[in-house]
């Protein structure tokens, strides 16, 4: 991971070693996200059944449809 992206991946508080969005945990309450429906724009394959992509800040996450648990951090987005 490039140094500039690694810096964005971690919180800016005392828990600096904890990722902002952890695999296996739901997206925290109060976090704004956008559901991604135009996969081609981001170079993504359509998600599997029961999954979807969301954009949070400058990250694309693959999440479970029903629970919004993070399944994977797919990519960082810049300038879109």
PDB file of N, CA and C in Angstrom:
ATOM      1  N   UNK A   1       0.853  -1.174   0.000  1.00  0.00           N
ATOM      2  CA  UNK A   1       0.000   0.000   0.000  1.00  0.00           C
ATOM      3  C   UNK A   1       0.896   1.234   0.000  1.00  0.00           C
ATOM      4  N   UNK A   2       0.641   2.203  -0.889  1.00  0.00           N
ATOM      5  CA  UNK A   2       1.451   3.420  -0.905  1.00  0.00           C
ATOM      6  C   UNK A   2       1.339   4.174   0.426  1.00  0.00           C
ATOM      7  N   UNK A   3       2.413   4.852   0.849  1.00  0.00           N
ATOM      8  CA  UNK A   3       2.399   5.544   2.146  1.00  0.00           C
ATOM      9  C   UNK A   3       1.243   6.519   2.314  1.00  0.00           C
ATOM     10  N   UNK A   4       0.895   7.271   1.299  1.00  0.00           N
ATOM     11  CA  UNK A   4      -0.204   8.227   1.411  1.00  0.00           C
ATOM     12  C   UNK A   4      -1.541   7.542   1.633  1.00  0.00           C
ATOM     13  N   UNK A   5      -1.725   6.370   1.019  1.00  0.00           N
ATOM     14  CA  UNK A   5      -2.967   5.625   1.204  1.00  0.00           C
ATOM     15  C   UNK A   5      -3.005   4.963   2.572  1.00  0.00           C
ATOM     16  N   UNK A   6      -1.878   4.476   3.036  1.00  0.00           N
ATOM     17  CA  UNK A   6      -1.834   3.854   4.361  1.00  0.00           C
ATOM     18  C   UNK A   6      -2.231   4.858   5.424  1.00  0.00           C
ATOM     19  N   UNK A   7      -1.806   6.075   5.274  1.00  0.00           N
ATOM     20  CA  UNK A   7      -2.140   7.122   6.239  1.00  0.00           C
ATOM     21  C   UNK A   7      -3.649   7.341   6.289  1.00  0.00           C
ATOM     22  N   UNK A   8      -4.313   7.304   5.143  1.00  0.00           N
ATOM     23  CA  UNK A   8      -5.758   7.511   5.080  1.00  0.00           C
ATOM     24  C   UNK A   8      -6.532   6.317   5.638  1.00  0.00           C
ATOM     25  N   UNK A   9      -5.894   5.147   5.638  1.00  0.00           N
ATOM     26  CA  UNK A   9      -6.564   3.919   6.047  1.00  0.00           C
ATOM     27  C   UNK A   9      -6.793   3.860   7.552  1.00  0.00           C
ATOM     28  N   UNK A  10      -5.990   4.548   8.308  1.00  0.00           N
ATOM     29  CA  UNK A  10      -6.101   4.502   9.757  1.00  0.00           C
ATOM     30  C   UNK A  10      -6.795   5.733  10.307  1.00  0.00           C
ATOM     31  N   UNK A  11      -7.403   5.573  11.479  1.00  0.00           N
ATOM     32  CA  UNK A  11      -8.098   6.676  12.143  1.00  0.00           C
ATOM     33  C   UNK A  11      -7.108   7.751  12.553  1.00  0.00           C
ATOM     34  N   UNK A  12      -7.619   8.946  12.789  1.00  0.00           N
ATOM     35  CA  UNK A  12      -6.779  10.054  13.214  1.00  0.00           C
ATOM     36  C   UNK A  12      -6.901  10.307  14.711  1.00  0.00           C
ATOM     37  N   UNK A  13      -7.254   9.284  15.458  1.00  0.00           N
ATOM     38  CA  UNK A  13      -7.346   9.449  16.905  1.00  0.00           C
ATOM     39  C   UNK A  13      -6.314   8.554  17.590  1.00  0.00           C
ATOM     40  N   UNK A  14      -6.532   8.236  18.854  1.00  0.00           N
ATOM     41  CA  UNK A  14      -5.557   7.460  19.609  1.00  0.00           C
ATOM     42  C   UNK A  14      -5.443   6.008  19.158  1.00  0.00           C
ATOM     43  N   UNK A  15      -6.425   5.515  18.401  1.00  0.00           N
ATOM     44  CA  UNK A  15      -6.368   4.136  17.921  1.00  0.00           C
ATOM     45  C   UNK A  15      -5.752   4.108  16.526  1.00  0.00           C
ATOM     46  N   UNK A  16      -4.590   4.641  16.384  1.00  0.00           N
ATOM     47  CA  UNK A  16      -3.960   4.791  15.059  1.00  0.00           C
ATOM     48  C   UNK A  16      -3.682   3.462  14.371  1.00  0.00           C
ATOM     49  N   UNK A  17      -3.596   2.391  15.119  1.00  0.00           N
ATOM     50  CA  UNK A  17      -3.276   1.098  14.522  1.00  0.00           C
ATOM     51  C   UNK A  17      -4.524   0.305  14.163  1.00  0.00           C
ATOM     52  N   UNK A  18      -5.697   0.882  14.371  1.00  0.00           N
ATOM     53  CA  UNK A  18      -6.947   0.212  14.041  1.00  0.00           C
ATOM     54  C   UNK A  18      -7.456   0.734  12.706  1.00  0.00           C
ATOM     55  N   UNK A  19      -7.677  -0.151  11.723  1.00  0.00           N
ATOM     56  CA  UNK A  19      -8.210   0.312  10.435  1.00  0.00           C
ATOM     57  C   UNK A  19      -9.571   0.974  10.612  1.00  0.00           C
ATOM     58  N   UNK A  20      -9.880   1.896   9.735  1.00  0.00           N
ATOM     59  CA  UNK A  20     -11.156   2.608   9.809  1.00  0.00           C
ATOM     60  C   UNK A  20     -12.323   1.656   9.599  1.00  0.00           C
ATOM     61  N   UNK A  21     -12.200   0.750   8.646  1.00  0.00           N
ATOM     62  CA  UNK A  21     -13.255  -0.198   8.322  1.00  0.00           C
ATOM     63  C   UNK A  21     -12.643  -1.587   8.351  1.00  0.00           C
ATOM     64  N   UNK A  22     -13.048  -2.390   9.315  1.00  0.00           N
ATOM     65  CA  UNK A  22     -12.433  -3.698   9.514  1.00  0.00           C
ATOM     66  C   UNK A  22     -13.261  -4.788   8.869  1.00  0.00           C
ATOM     67  N   UNK A  23     -12.581  -5.712   8.203  1.00  0.00           N
ATOM     68  CA  UNK A  23     -13.242  -6.853   7.589  1.00  0.00           C
ATOM     69  C   UNK A  23     -13.931  -7.663   8.689  1.00  0.00           C
ATOM     70  N   UNK A  24     -15.182  -8.018   8.444  1.00  0.00           N
ATOM     71  CA  UNK A  24     -15.957  -8.787   9.403  1.00  0.00           C
ATOM     72  C   UNK A  24     -16.812  -7.943  10.327  1.00  0.00           C
ATOM     73  N   UNK A  25     -16.644  -6.638  10.277  1.00  0.00           N
ATOM     74  CA  UNK A  25     -17.415  -5.723  11.109  1.00  0.00           C
ATOM     75  C   UNK A  25     -18.272  -4.835  10.214  1.00  0.00           C
ATOM     76  N   UNK A  26     -19.460  -4.446  10.684  1.00  0.00           N
ATOM     77  CA  UNK A  26     -20.299  -3.565   9.860  1.00  0.00           C
ATOM     78  C   UNK A  26     -19.716  -2.159   9.765  1.00  0.00           C
ATOM     79  N   UNK A  27     -20.132  -1.447   8.742  1.00  0.00           N
ATOM     80  CA  UNK A  27     -19.756  -0.035   8.632  1.00  0.00           C
ATOM     81  C   UNK A  27     -20.342   0.677   9.849  1.00  0.00           C
ATOM     82  N   UNK A  28     -19.556   1.447  10.580  1.00  0.00           N
ATOM     83  CA  UNK A  28     -20.043   2.090  11.806  1.00  0.00           C
ATOM     84  C   UNK A  28     -21.231   3.019  11.543  1.00  0.00           C
ATOM     85  N   UNK A  29     -22.097   3.136  12.545  1.00  0.00           N
ATOM     86  CA  UNK A  29     -23.244   4.045  12.465  1.00  0.00           C
ATOM     87  C   UNK A  29     -22.755   5.467  12.233  1.00  0.00           C
ATOM     88  N   UNK A  30     -23.510   6.204  11.457  1.00  0.00           N
ATOM     89  CA  UNK A  30     -23.191   7.604  11.215  1.00  0.00           C
ATOM     90  C   UNK A  30     -22.209   7.845  10.090  1.00  0.00           C
ATOM     91  N   UNK A  31     -21.660   6.785   9.497  1.00  0.00           N
ATOM     92  CA  UNK A  31     -20.726   6.931   8.384  1.00  0.00           C
ATOM     93  C   UNK A  31     -21.527   7.053   7.098  1.00  0.00           C
ATOM     94  N   UNK A  32     -21.270   8.104   6.337  1.00  0.00           N
ATOM     95  CA  UNK A  32     -21.945   8.295   5.052  1.00  0.00           C
ATOM     96  C   UNK A  32     -21.297   7.410   3.999  1.00  0.00           C
ATOM     97  N   UNK A  33     -22.129   6.772   3.190  1.00  0.00           N
ATOM     98  CA  UNK A  33     -21.630   5.924   2.117  1.00  0.00           C
ATOM     99  C   UNK A  33     -22.530   6.083   0.900  1.00  0.00           C
ATOM    100  N   UNK A  34     -21.992   5.679  -0.247  1.00  0.00           N
ATOM    101  CA  UNK A  34     -22.740   5.706  -1.506  1.00  0.00           C
ATOM    102  C   UNK A  34     -22.677   4.309  -2.093  1.00  0.00           C
ATOM    103  N   UNK A  35     -23.819   3.761  -2.449  1.00  0.00           N
ATOM    104  CA  UNK A  35     -23.858   2.446  -3.083  1.00  0.00           C
ATOM    105  C   UNK A  35     -23.399   2.600  -4.523  1.00  0.00           C
ATOM    106  N   UNK A  36     -22.482   1.754  -4.949  1.00  0.00           N
ATOM    107  CA  UNK A  36     -21.937   1.812  -6.310  1.00  0.00           C
ATOM    108  C   UNK A  36     -22.729   0.875  -7.203  1.00  0.00           C
ATOM    109  N   UNK A  37     -23.318   1.447  -8.221  1.00  0.00           N
ATOM    110  CA  UNK A  37     -24.081   0.655  -9.190  1.00  0.00           C
ATOM    111  C   UNK A  37     -23.405   0.632 -10.564  1.00  0.00           C
ATOM    112  N   UNK A  38     -22.515   1.583 -10.815  1.00  0.00           N
ATOM    113  CA  UNK A  38     -21.804   1.652 -12.105  1.00  0.00           C
ATOM    114  C   UNK A  38     -20.401   1.062 -11.950  1.00  0.00           C
ATOM    115  N   UNK A  39     -20.348  -0.269 -11.922  1.00  0.00           N
ATOM    116  CA  UNK A  39     -19.099  -0.990 -11.651  1.00  0.00           C
ATOM    117  C   UNK A  39     -17.997  -0.673 -12.659  1.00  0.00           C
ATOM    118  N   UNK A  40     -18.388  -0.504 -13.928  1.00  0.00           N
ATOM    119  CA  UNK A  40     -17.395  -0.239 -14.975  1.00  0.00           C
ATOM    120  C   UNK A  40     -16.592   1.024 -14.701  1.00  0.00           C
ATOM    121  N   UNK A  41     -17.226   2.023 -14.146  1.00  0.00           N
ATOM    122  CA  UNK A  41     -16.542   3.290 -13.855  1.00  0.00           C
ATOM    123  C   UNK A  41     -15.331   3.072 -12.955  1.00  0.00           C
ATOM    124  N   UNK A  42     -15.444   2.102 -12.068  1.00  0.00           N
ATOM    125  CA  UNK A  42     -14.369   1.822 -11.115  1.00  0.00           C
ATOM    126  C   UNK A  42     -13.552   0.594 -11.497  1.00  0.00           C
ATOM    127  N   UNK A  43     -13.872  -0.031 -12.623  1.00  0.00           N
ATOM    128  CA  UNK A  43     -13.139  -1.214 -13.053  1.00  0.00           C
ATOM    129  C   UNK A  43     -13.436  -2.432 -12.197  1.00  0.00           C
ATOM    130  N   UNK A  44     -14.668  -2.527 -11.690  1.00  0.00           N
ATOM    131  CA  UNK A  44     -15.055  -3.627 -10.813  1.00  0.00           C
ATOM    132  C   UNK A  44     -15.926  -4.630 -11.541  1.00  0.00           C
ATOM    133  N   UNK A  45     -15.860  -5.876 -11.105  1.00  0.00           N
ATOM    134  CA  UNK A  45     -16.787  -6.892 -11.589  1.00  0.00           C
ATOM    135  C   UNK A  45     -18.096  -6.743 -10.813  1.00  0.00           C
ATOM    136  N   UNK A  46     -19.205  -7.188 -11.381  1.00  0.00           N
ATOM    137  CA  UNK A  46     -20.445  -7.158 -10.601  1.00  0.00           C
ATOM    138  C   UNK A  46     -20.262  -7.971  -9.311  1.00  0.00           C
ATOM    139  N   UNK A  47     -20.833  -7.504  -8.208  1.00  0.00           N
ATOM    140  CA  UNK A  47     -20.670  -8.234  -6.951  1.00  0.00           C
ATOM    141  C   UNK A  47     -21.439  -9.548  -6.970  1.00  0.00           C
ATOM    142  N   UNK A  48     -21.025 -10.465  -6.127  1.00  0.00           N
ATOM    143  CA  UNK A  48     -21.714 -11.753  -6.000  1.00  0.00           C
ATOM    144  C   UNK A  48     -23.090 -11.534  -5.376  1.00  0.00           C
ATOM    145  N   UNK A  49     -23.943 -12.514  -5.501  1.00  0.00           N
ATOM    146  CA  UNK A  49     -25.285 -12.434  -4.897  1.00  0.00           C
ATOM    147  C   UNK A  49     -25.143 -12.224  -3.389  1.00  0.00           C
ATOM    148  N   UNK A  50     -25.890 -11.269  -2.854  1.00  0.00           N
ATOM    149  CA  UNK A  50     -25.843 -10.986  -1.420  1.00  0.00           C
ATOM    150  C   UNK A  50     -24.760 -10.011  -1.018  1.00  0.00           C
ATOM    151  N   UNK A  51     -24.077  -9.438  -2.014  1.00  0.00           N
ATOM    152  CA  UNK A  51     -23.007  -8.470  -1.758  1.00  0.00           C
ATOM    153  C   UNK A  51     -23.262  -7.208  -2.569  1.00  0.00           C
ATOM    154  N   UNK A  52     -22.605  -6.131  -2.182  1.00  0.00           N
ATOM    155  CA  UNK A  52     -22.642  -4.893  -2.951  1.00  0.00           C
ATOM    156  C   UNK A  52     -21.372  -4.109  -2.665  1.00  0.00           C
ATOM    157  N   UNK A  53     -21.092  -3.146  -3.524  1.00  0.00           N
ATOM    158  CA  UNK A  53     -19.963  -2.244  -3.326  1.00  0.00           C
ATOM    159  C   UNK A  53     -20.488  -0.919  -2.786  1.00  0.00           C
ATOM    160  N   UNK A  54     -19.747  -0.349  -1.872  1.00  0.00           N
ATOM    161  CA  UNK A  54     -20.068   0.984  -1.386  1.00  0.00           C
ATOM    162  C   UNK A  54     -18.806   1.825  -1.390  1.00  0.00           C
ATOM    163  N   UNK A  55     -19.003   3.111  -1.571  1.00  0.00           N
ATOM    164  CA  UNK A  55     -17.889   4.051  -1.503  1.00  0.00           C
ATOM    165  C   UNK A  55     -18.021   4.828  -0.201  1.00  0.00           C
ATOM    166  N   UNK A  56     -16.969   4.778   0.608  1.00  0.00           N
ATOM    167  CA  UNK A  56     -16.917   5.488   1.877  1.00  0.00           C
ATOM    168  C   UNK A  56     -15.658   6.338   1.831  1.00  0.00           C
ATOM    169  N   UNK A  57     -15.825   7.652   1.950  1.00  0.00           N
ATOM    170  CA  UNK A  57     -14.701   8.577   1.782  1.00  0.00           C
ATOM    171  C   UNK A  57     -14.063   8.288   0.434  1.00  0.00           C
ATOM    172  N   UNK A  58     -12.816   7.905   0.411  1.00  0.00           N
ATOM    173  CA  UNK A  58     -12.122   7.591  -0.844  1.00  0.00           C
ATOM    174  C   UNK A  58     -11.779   6.124  -0.937  1.00  0.00           C
ATOM    175  N   UNK A  59     -12.618   5.271  -0.373  1.00  0.00           N
ATOM    176  CA  UNK A  59     -12.390   3.833  -0.415  1.00  0.00           C
ATOM    177  C   UNK A  59     -13.619   3.129  -0.964  1.00  0.00           C
ATOM    178  N   UNK A  60     -13.367   2.034  -1.671  1.00  0.00           N
ATOM    179  CA  UNK A  60     -14.453   1.179  -2.120  1.00  0.00           C
ATOM    180  C   UNK A  60     -14.382  -0.090  -1.292  1.00  0.00           C
ATOM    181  N   UNK A  61     -15.514  -0.427  -0.681  1.00  0.00           N
ATOM    182  CA  UNK A  61     -15.603  -1.609   0.157  1.00  0.00           C
ATOM    183  C   UNK A  61     -16.633  -2.560  -0.439  1.00  0.00           C
ATOM    184  N   UNK A  62     -16.364  -3.847  -0.311  1.00  0.00           N
ATOM    185  CA  UNK A  62     -17.358  -4.859  -0.667  1.00  0.00           C
ATOM    186  C   UNK A  62     -18.022  -5.272   0.636  1.00  0.00           C
ATOM    187  N   UNK A  63     -19.341  -5.165   0.706  1.00  0.00           N
ATOM    188  CA  UNK A  63     -20.062  -5.426   1.951  1.00  0.00           C
ATOM    189  C   UNK A  63     -21.181  -6.437   1.723  1.00  0.00           C
ATOM    190  N   UNK A  64     -21.596  -7.081   2.812  1.00  0.00           N
ATOM    191  CA  UNK A  64     -22.747  -7.978   2.769  1.00  0.00           C
ATOM    192  C   UNK A  64     -24.007  -7.133   2.632  1.00  0.00           C
ATOM    193  N   UNK A  65     -24.885  -7.552   1.772  1.00  0.00           N
ATOM    194  CA  UNK A  65     -26.105  -6.805   1.481  1.00  0.00           C
ATOM    195  C   UNK A  65     -26.990  -6.602   2.713  1.00  0.00           C
ATOM    196  N   UNK A  66     -27.216  -7.640   3.475  1.00  0.00           N
ATOM    197  CA  UNK A  66     -28.160  -7.589   4.591  1.00  0.00           C
ATOM    198  C   UNK A  66     -27.602  -6.895   5.828  1.00  0.00           C
ATOM    199  N   UNK A  67     -26.322  -7.110   6.115  1.00  0.00           N
ATOM    200  CA  UNK A  67     -25.751  -6.623   7.375  1.00  0.00           C
ATOM    201  C   UNK A  67     -24.792  -5.461   7.223  1.00  0.00           C
ATOM    202  N   UNK A  68     -24.341  -5.199   6.009  1.00  0.00           N
ATOM    203  CA  UNK A  68     -23.332  -4.191   5.714  1.00  0.00           C
ATOM    204  C   UNK A  68     -22.015  -4.462   6.431  1.00  0.00           C
ATOM    205  N   UNK A  69     -21.759  -5.745   6.710  1.00  0.00           N
ATOM    206  CA  UNK A  69     -20.441  -6.108   7.245  1.00  0.00           C
ATOM    207  C   UNK A  69     -19.441  -6.009   6.109  1.00  0.00           C
ATOM    208  N   UNK A  70     -18.270  -5.496   6.402  1.00  0.00           N
ATOM    209  CA  UNK A  70     -17.223  -5.330   5.402  1.00  0.00           C
ATOM    210  C   UNK A  70     -16.635  -6.703   5.071  1.00  0.00           C
ATOM    211  N   UNK A  71     -16.670  -7.055   3.781  1.00  0.00           N
ATOM    212  CA  UNK A  71     -16.092  -8.306   3.329  1.00  0.00           C
ATOM    213  C   UNK A  71     -14.681  -8.109   2.798  1.00  0.00           C
ATOM    214  N   UNK A  72     -14.424  -6.915   2.237  1.00  0.00           N
ATOM    215  CA  UNK A  72     -13.097  -6.608   1.707  1.00  0.00           C
ATOM    216  C   UNK A  72     -12.991  -5.129   1.395  1.00  0.00           C
ATOM    217  N   UNK A  73     -11.778  -4.606   1.563  1.00  0.00           N
ATOM    218  CA  UNK A  73     -11.462  -3.254   1.095  1.00  0.00           C
ATOM    219  C   UNK A  73     -10.939  -3.452  -0.317  1.00  0.00           C
ATOM    220  N   UNK A  74     -11.683  -2.967  -1.301  1.00  0.00           N
ATOM    221  CA  UNK A  74     -11.389  -3.273  -2.691  1.00  0.00           C
ATOM    222  C   UNK A  74     -10.317  -2.363  -3.267  1.00  0.00           C
ATOM    223  N   UNK A  75     -10.483  -1.050  -3.115  1.00  0.00           N
ATOM    224  CA  UNK A  75      -9.497  -0.117  -3.664  1.00  0.00           C
ATOM    225  C   UNK A  75      -9.690   1.268  -3.105  1.00  0.00           C
ATOM    226  N   UNK A  76      -8.656   2.059  -3.224  1.00  0.00           N
ATOM    227  CA  UNK A  76      -8.721   3.472  -2.875  1.00  0.00           C
ATOM    228  C   UNK A  76      -9.066   4.236  -4.150  1.00  0.00           C
ATOM    229  N   UNK A  77      -9.821   5.308  -4.014  1.00  0.00           N
ATOM    230  CA  UNK A  77     -10.270   6.098  -5.158  1.00  0.00           C
ATOM    231  C   UNK A  77      -9.675   7.486  -5.044  1.00  0.00           C
ATOM    232  N   UNK A  78      -9.172   7.976  -6.137  1.00  0.00           N
ATOM    233  CA  UNK A  78      -8.640   9.329  -6.129  1.00  0.00           C
ATOM    234  C   UNK A  78      -9.159  10.136  -7.302  1.00  0.00           C
ATOM    235  N   UNK A  79      -9.675  11.312  -7.028  1.00  0.00           N
ATOM    236  CA  UNK A  79     -10.066  12.226  -8.070  1.00  0.00           C
ATOM    237  C   UNK A  79     -11.325  11.886  -8.836  1.00  0.00           C
ATOM    238  N   UNK A  80     -12.182  11.017  -8.317  1.00  0.00           N
ATOM    239  CA  UNK A  80     -13.419  10.681  -9.032  1.00  0.00           C
ATOM    240  C   UNK A  80     -14.582  11.436  -8.452  1.00  0.00           C
TER     241      UNK A  80
END
